[in-house]
Amino acid sequence: MDFQQRLQKAIERGQRANVAKTRAELDRVLNEKELQRHHTQYRLELCERIELCLKQLADQFPGFQLENIVDERGWGAAISRDDLLLNLAARTAGFSRLEMFIPPFSSSHVLELSAKATIQNREIFNRSQYQRLPEVDLTSFSEMINNWALEFAEQYAAKS
């Protein structure tokens, strides 16, 4: 094989490598958009579940106000109320709150559920549950939402 033929083959290999690299980059971008689309779909479903659970919880305990969370932390809902604690010595103000939200899509490609609960000014729990987007099981997230809401209800009922 003479130099001209080897040169032609080297150029063809370089062009094939460039095409493969371009294709791989395009696949990565499309995959990123697909993962983001899945995250949005899961977030919408879970936010509905969060709102439903917290609304039912607020209906059981008078004074709780339901609010939607839409900010830089993510999307979800919260219930809260101000408590007046009376004892023989003094009156003190208390605060109770349960919030659950889904943080925004990130480069880590996970779906995360975060929750924070406070009863009468004391933090009861601050938790996060996450799964990689390709492996998400919405049933387990729904069960987690239910369990955290039930745990809050039980502890709130025990302290009030």
C-alpha atoms as a PDB file:
ATOM      1  CA  MET A   1       0.000   0.000   0.000  1.00  0.00           C
ATOM      2  CA  ASP A   2       1.451   3.322  -0.982  1.00  0.00           C
ATOM      3  CA  PHE A   3       1.314   6.551   0.987  1.00  0.00           C
ATOM      4  CA  GLN A   4      -1.691   7.951  -0.959  1.00  0.00           C
ATOM      5  CA  GLN A   5      -3.856   4.930  -0.084  1.00  0.00           C
ATOM      6  CA  ARG A   6      -2.801   5.005   3.577  1.00  0.00           C
ATOM      7  CA  LEU A   7      -3.526   8.737   3.693  1.00  0.00           C
ATOM      8  CA  GLN A   8      -7.002   8.168   2.237  1.00  0.00           C
ATOM      9  CA  LYS A   9      -7.740   5.410   4.808  1.00  0.00           C
ATOM     10  CA  ALA A  10      -6.523   7.634   7.676  1.00  0.00           C
ATOM     11  CA  ILE A  11      -8.825  10.451   6.515  1.00  0.00           C
ATOM     12  CA  GLU A  12     -11.771   8.026   6.279  1.00  0.00           C
ATOM     13  CA  ARG A  13     -11.064   6.711   9.808  1.00  0.00           C
ATOM     14  CA  GLY A  14     -10.954  10.286  11.107  1.00  0.00           C
ATOM     15  CA  GLN A  15     -14.245  11.128   9.408  1.00  0.00           C
ATOM     16  CA  ARG A  16     -15.906   7.976  10.809  1.00  0.00           C
ATOM     17  CA  ALA A  17     -14.617   8.851  14.280  1.00  0.00           C
ATOM     18  CA  ASN A  18     -16.000  12.372  13.934  1.00  0.00           C
ATOM     19  CA  VAL A  19     -19.415  11.036  12.836  1.00  0.00           C
ATOM     20  CA  ALA A  20     -19.432   8.560  15.737  1.00  0.00           C
ATOM     21  CA  LYS A  21     -18.491  11.293  18.202  1.00  0.00           C
ATOM     22  CA  THR A  22     -21.227  13.587  16.858  1.00  0.00           C
ATOM     23  CA  ARG A  23     -23.765  10.756  17.036  1.00  0.00           C
ATOM     24  CA  ALA A  24     -22.755   9.915  20.617  1.00  0.00           C
ATOM     25  CA  GLU A  25     -23.102  13.559  21.658  1.00  0.00           C
ATOM     26  CA  LEU A  26     -26.534  13.779  20.020  1.00  0.00           C
ATOM     27  CA  ASP A  27     -27.622  10.565  21.779  1.00  0.00           C
ATOM     28  CA  ARG A  28     -26.414  11.978  25.096  1.00  0.00           C
ATOM     29  CA  VAL A  29     -28.380  15.209  24.600  1.00  0.00           C
ATOM     30  CA  LEU A  30     -31.503  13.292  23.585  1.00  0.00           C
ATOM     31  CA  ASN A  31     -31.083  10.963  26.543  1.00  0.00           C
ATOM     32  CA  GLU A  32     -30.716  13.982  28.868  1.00  0.00           C
ATOM     33  CA  LYS A  33     -33.947  15.463  27.498  1.00  0.00           C
ATOM     34  CA  GLU A  34     -35.699  12.117  27.893  1.00  0.00           C
ATOM     35  CA  LEU A  35     -34.561  11.856  31.517  1.00  0.00           C
ATOM     36  CA  GLN A  36     -35.760  15.402  32.148  1.00  0.00           C
ATOM     37  CA  ARG A  37     -39.131  14.560  30.603  1.00  0.00           C
ATOM     38  CA  HIS A  38     -39.447  11.503  32.870  1.00  0.00           C
ATOM     39  CA  HIS A  39     -38.516  13.587  35.917  1.00  0.00           C
ATOM     40  CA  THR A  40     -41.255  16.096  35.076  1.00  0.00           C
ATOM     41  CA  GLN A  41     -43.825  13.341  34.590  1.00  0.00           C
ATOM     42  CA  TYR A  42     -42.918  11.673  37.903  1.00  0.00           C
ATOM     43  CA  ARG A  43     -42.873  15.010  39.715  1.00  0.00           C
ATOM     44  CA  LEU A  44     -46.394  15.839  38.546  1.00  0.00           C
ATOM     45  CA  GLU A  45     -47.770  12.475  39.683  1.00  0.00           C
ATOM     46  CA  LEU A  46     -46.055  12.611  43.058  1.00  0.00           C
ATOM     47  CA  CYS A  47     -47.043  16.233  43.704  1.00  0.00           C
ATOM     48  CA  GLU A  48     -50.685  15.247  43.260  1.00  0.00           C
ATOM     49  CA  ARG A  49     -50.195  12.437  45.781  1.00  0.00           C
ATOM     50  CA  ILE A  50     -48.477  14.764  48.249  1.00  0.00           C
ATOM     51  CA  GLU A  51     -51.243  17.344  47.981  1.00  0.00           C
ATOM     52  CA  LEU A  52     -53.968  14.718  48.426  1.00  0.00           C
ATOM     53  CA  CYS A  53     -52.339  13.197  51.531  1.00  0.00           C
ATOM     54  CA  LEU A  54     -51.618  16.531  53.161  1.00  0.00           C
ATOM     55  CA  LYS A  55     -55.119  17.831  52.429  1.00  0.00           C
ATOM     56  CA  GLN A  56     -56.631  14.774  54.122  1.00  0.00           C
ATOM     57  CA  LEU A  57     -54.254  15.235  57.043  1.00  0.00           C
ATOM     58  CA  ALA A  58     -55.197  18.926  57.399  1.00  0.00           C
ATOM     59  CA  ASP A  59     -58.885  17.985  57.358  1.00  0.00           C
ATOM     60  CA  GLN A  60     -58.332  15.729  60.380  1.00  0.00           C
ATOM     61  CA  PHE A  61     -56.621  18.375  62.512  1.00  0.00           C
ATOM     62  CA  PRO A  62     -58.439  21.740  62.596  1.00  0.00           C
ATOM     63  CA  GLY A  63     -56.245  24.782  62.188  1.00  0.00           C
ATOM     64  CA  PHE A  64     -53.813  23.352  59.665  1.00  0.00           C
ATOM     65  CA  GLN A  65     -53.465  25.347  56.458  1.00  0.00           C
ATOM     66  CA  LEU A  66     -52.484  23.675  53.203  1.00  0.00           C
ATOM     67  CA  GLU A  67     -50.067  25.507  50.930  1.00  0.00           C
ATOM     68  CA  ASN A  68     -48.416  24.568  47.674  1.00  0.00           C
ATOM     69  CA  ILE A  69     -44.645  24.707  47.409  1.00  0.00           C
ATOM     70  CA  VAL A  70     -43.287  26.083  44.143  1.00  0.00           C
ATOM     71  CA  ASP A  71     -39.863  27.613  44.637  1.00  0.00           C
ATOM     72  CA  GLU A  72     -36.155  26.988  44.084  1.00  0.00           C
ATOM     73  CA  ARG A  73     -36.277  23.961  46.414  1.00  0.00           C
ATOM     74  CA  GLY A  74     -38.816  22.215  44.199  1.00  0.00           C
ATOM     75  CA  TRP A  75     -42.529  21.437  43.946  1.00  0.00           C
ATOM     76  CA  GLY A  76     -44.843  19.931  46.552  1.00  0.00           C
ATOM     77  CA  ALA A  77     -47.081  20.940  49.437  1.00  0.00           C
ATOM     78  CA  ALA A  78     -47.005  21.741  53.135  1.00  0.00           C
ATOM     79  CA  ILE A  79     -49.411  21.994  56.026  1.00  0.00           C
ATOM     80  CA  SER A  80     -48.747  24.195  59.016  1.00  0.00           C
ATOM     81  CA  ARG A  81     -50.397  25.744  62.032  1.00  0.00           C
ATOM     82  CA  ASP A  82     -49.539  27.902  64.992  1.00  0.00           C
ATOM     83  CA  ASP A  83     -50.208  26.233  68.335  1.00  0.00           C
ATOM     84  CA  LEU A  84     -50.864  27.877  71.667  1.00  0.00           C
ATOM     85  CA  LEU A  85     -49.423  25.739  74.435  1.00  0.00           C
ATOM     86  CA  LEU A  86     -51.044  26.305  77.829  1.00  0.00           C
ATOM     87  CA  ASN A  87     -49.702  25.065  81.108  1.00  0.00           C
ATOM     88  CA  LEU A  88     -49.996  26.267  84.692  1.00  0.00           C
ATOM     89  CA  ALA A  89     -46.880  28.416  84.544  1.00  0.00           C
ATOM     90  CA  ALA A  90     -47.152  30.181  81.214  1.00  0.00           C
ATOM     91  CA  ARG A  91     -48.478  30.337  77.689  1.00  0.00           C
ATOM     92  CA  THR A  92     -46.080  29.668  74.865  1.00  0.00           C
ATOM     93  CA  ALA A  93     -46.440  29.684  71.124  1.00  0.00           C
ATOM     94  CA  GLY A  94     -45.706  26.572  69.133  1.00  0.00           C
ATOM     95  CA  PHE A  95     -45.411  25.815  65.469  1.00  0.00           C
ATOM     96  CA  SER A  96     -46.214  22.577  63.630  1.00  0.00           C
ATOM     97  CA  ARG A  97     -45.485  21.897  59.968  1.00  0.00           C
ATOM     98  CA  LEU A  98     -45.102  19.034  57.521  1.00  0.00           C
ATOM     99  CA  GLU A  99     -43.716  19.693  54.061  1.00  0.00           C
ATOM    100  CA  MET A 100     -42.953  17.304  51.236  1.00  0.00           C
ATOM    101  CA  PHE A 101     -41.498  18.273  47.889  1.00  0.00           C
ATOM    102  CA  ILE A 102     -39.706  17.039  44.779  1.00  0.00           C
ATOM    103  CA  PRO A 103     -36.467  18.963  44.037  1.00  0.00           C
ATOM    104  CA  PRO A 104     -35.790  20.101  40.439  1.00  0.00           C
ATOM    105  CA  PHE A 105     -34.078  17.939  37.815  1.00  0.00           C
ATOM    106  CA  SER A 106     -30.300  17.846  38.229  1.00  0.00           C
ATOM    107  CA  SER A 107     -27.278  16.386  36.510  1.00  0.00           C
ATOM    108  CA  SER A 108     -27.282  13.501  39.010  1.00  0.00           C
ATOM    109  CA  HIS A 109     -30.329  12.067  37.176  1.00  0.00           C
ATOM    110  CA  VAL A 110     -32.260  11.079  40.286  1.00  0.00           C
ATOM    111  CA  LEU A 111     -35.823  11.563  41.432  1.00  0.00           C
ATOM    112  CA  GLU A 112     -35.795  12.762  45.028  1.00  0.00           C
ATOM    113  CA  LEU A 113     -38.562  13.134  47.594  1.00  0.00           C
ATOM    114  CA  SER A 114     -37.766  15.349  50.587  1.00  0.00           C
ATOM    115  CA  ALA A 115     -39.804  15.838  53.744  1.00  0.00           C
ATOM    116  CA  LYS A 116     -39.432  17.838  56.920  1.00  0.00           C
ATOM    117  CA  ALA A 117     -41.719  17.643  59.952  1.00  0.00           C
ATOM    118  CA  THR A 118     -41.920  19.873  62.998  1.00  0.00           C
ATOM    119  CA  ILE A 119     -44.344  19.457  65.900  1.00  0.00           C
ATOM    120  CA  GLN A 120     -44.625  22.167  68.556  1.00  0.00           C
ATOM    121  CA  ASN A 121     -41.280  23.735  67.591  1.00  0.00           C
ATOM    122  CA  ARG A 122     -39.397  20.425  67.597  1.00  0.00           C
ATOM    123  CA  GLU A 123     -38.122  18.848  64.436  1.00  0.00           C
ATOM    124  CA  ILE A 124     -39.465  15.314  64.209  1.00  0.00           C
ATOM    125  CA  PHE A 125     -37.774  14.277  60.986  1.00  0.00           C
ATOM    126  CA  ASN A 126     -35.913  15.621  57.975  1.00  0.00           C
ATOM    127  CA  ARG A 127     -35.679  12.948  55.280  1.00  0.00           C
ATOM    128  CA  SER A 128     -34.944  12.348  51.651  1.00  0.00           C
ATOM    129  CA  GLN A 129     -35.605   9.343  49.472  1.00  0.00           C
ATOM    130  CA  TYR A 130     -34.226   9.063  45.971  1.00  0.00           C
ATOM    131  CA  GLN A 131     -33.891   6.675  43.047  1.00  0.00           C
ATOM    132  CA  ARG A 132     -32.028   6.893  39.755  1.00  0.00           C
ATOM    133  CA  LEU A 133     -34.414   8.087  37.022  1.00  0.00           C
ATOM    134  CA  PRO A 134     -34.150   4.980  34.824  1.00  0.00           C
ATOM    135  CA  GLU A 135     -35.029   2.808  37.850  1.00  0.00           C
ATOM    136  CA  VAL A 136     -37.861   4.836  39.431  1.00  0.00           C
ATOM    137  CA  ASP A 137     -40.646   2.904  41.139  1.00  0.00           C
ATOM    138  CA  LEU A 138     -43.525   5.357  41.680  1.00  0.00           C
ATOM    139  CA  THR A 139     -45.331   2.910  43.969  1.00  0.00           C
ATOM    140  CA  SER A 140     -42.503   3.019  46.496  1.00  0.00           C
ATOM    141  CA  PHE A 141     -42.511   6.839  46.419  1.00  0.00           C
ATOM    142  CA  SER A 142     -46.292   6.915  46.941  1.00  0.00           C
ATOM    143  CA  GLU A 143     -45.952   4.534  49.877  1.00  0.00           C
ATOM    144  CA  MET A 144     -43.208   6.708  51.336  1.00  0.00           C
ATOM    145  CA  ILE A 145     -45.469   9.780  51.090  1.00  0.00           C
ATOM    146  CA  ASN A 146     -48.259   7.869  52.848  1.00  0.00           C
ATOM    147  CA  ASN A 147     -45.936   6.556  55.569  1.00  0.00           C
ATOM    148  CA  TRP A 148     -44.398   9.943  56.332  1.00  0.00           C
ATOM    149  CA  ALA A 149     -47.843  11.585  56.512  1.00  0.00           C
ATOM    150  CA  LEU A 150     -49.138   8.831  58.805  1.00  0.00           C
ATOM    151  CA  GLU A 151     -46.076   9.093  61.041  1.00  0.00           C
ATOM    152  CA  PHE A 152     -46.596  12.843  61.355  1.00  0.00           C
ATOM    153  CA  ALA A 153     -50.314  12.362  62.143  1.00  0.00           C
ATOM    154  CA  GLU A 154     -49.571   9.795  64.839  1.00  0.00           C
ATOM    155  CA  GLN A 155     -46.918  11.923  66.522  1.00  0.00           C
ATOM    156  CA  TYR A 156     -49.006  15.101  66.273  1.00  0.00           C
ATOM    157  CA  ALA A 157     -52.021  13.343  67.808  1.00  0.00           C
ATOM    158  CA  ALA A 158     -49.840  12.009  70.631  1.00  0.00           C
ATOM    159  CA  LYS A 159     -48.501  15.489  71.470  1.00  0.00           C
ATOM    160  CA  SER A 160     -51.698  17.514  71.227  1.00  0.00           C
END
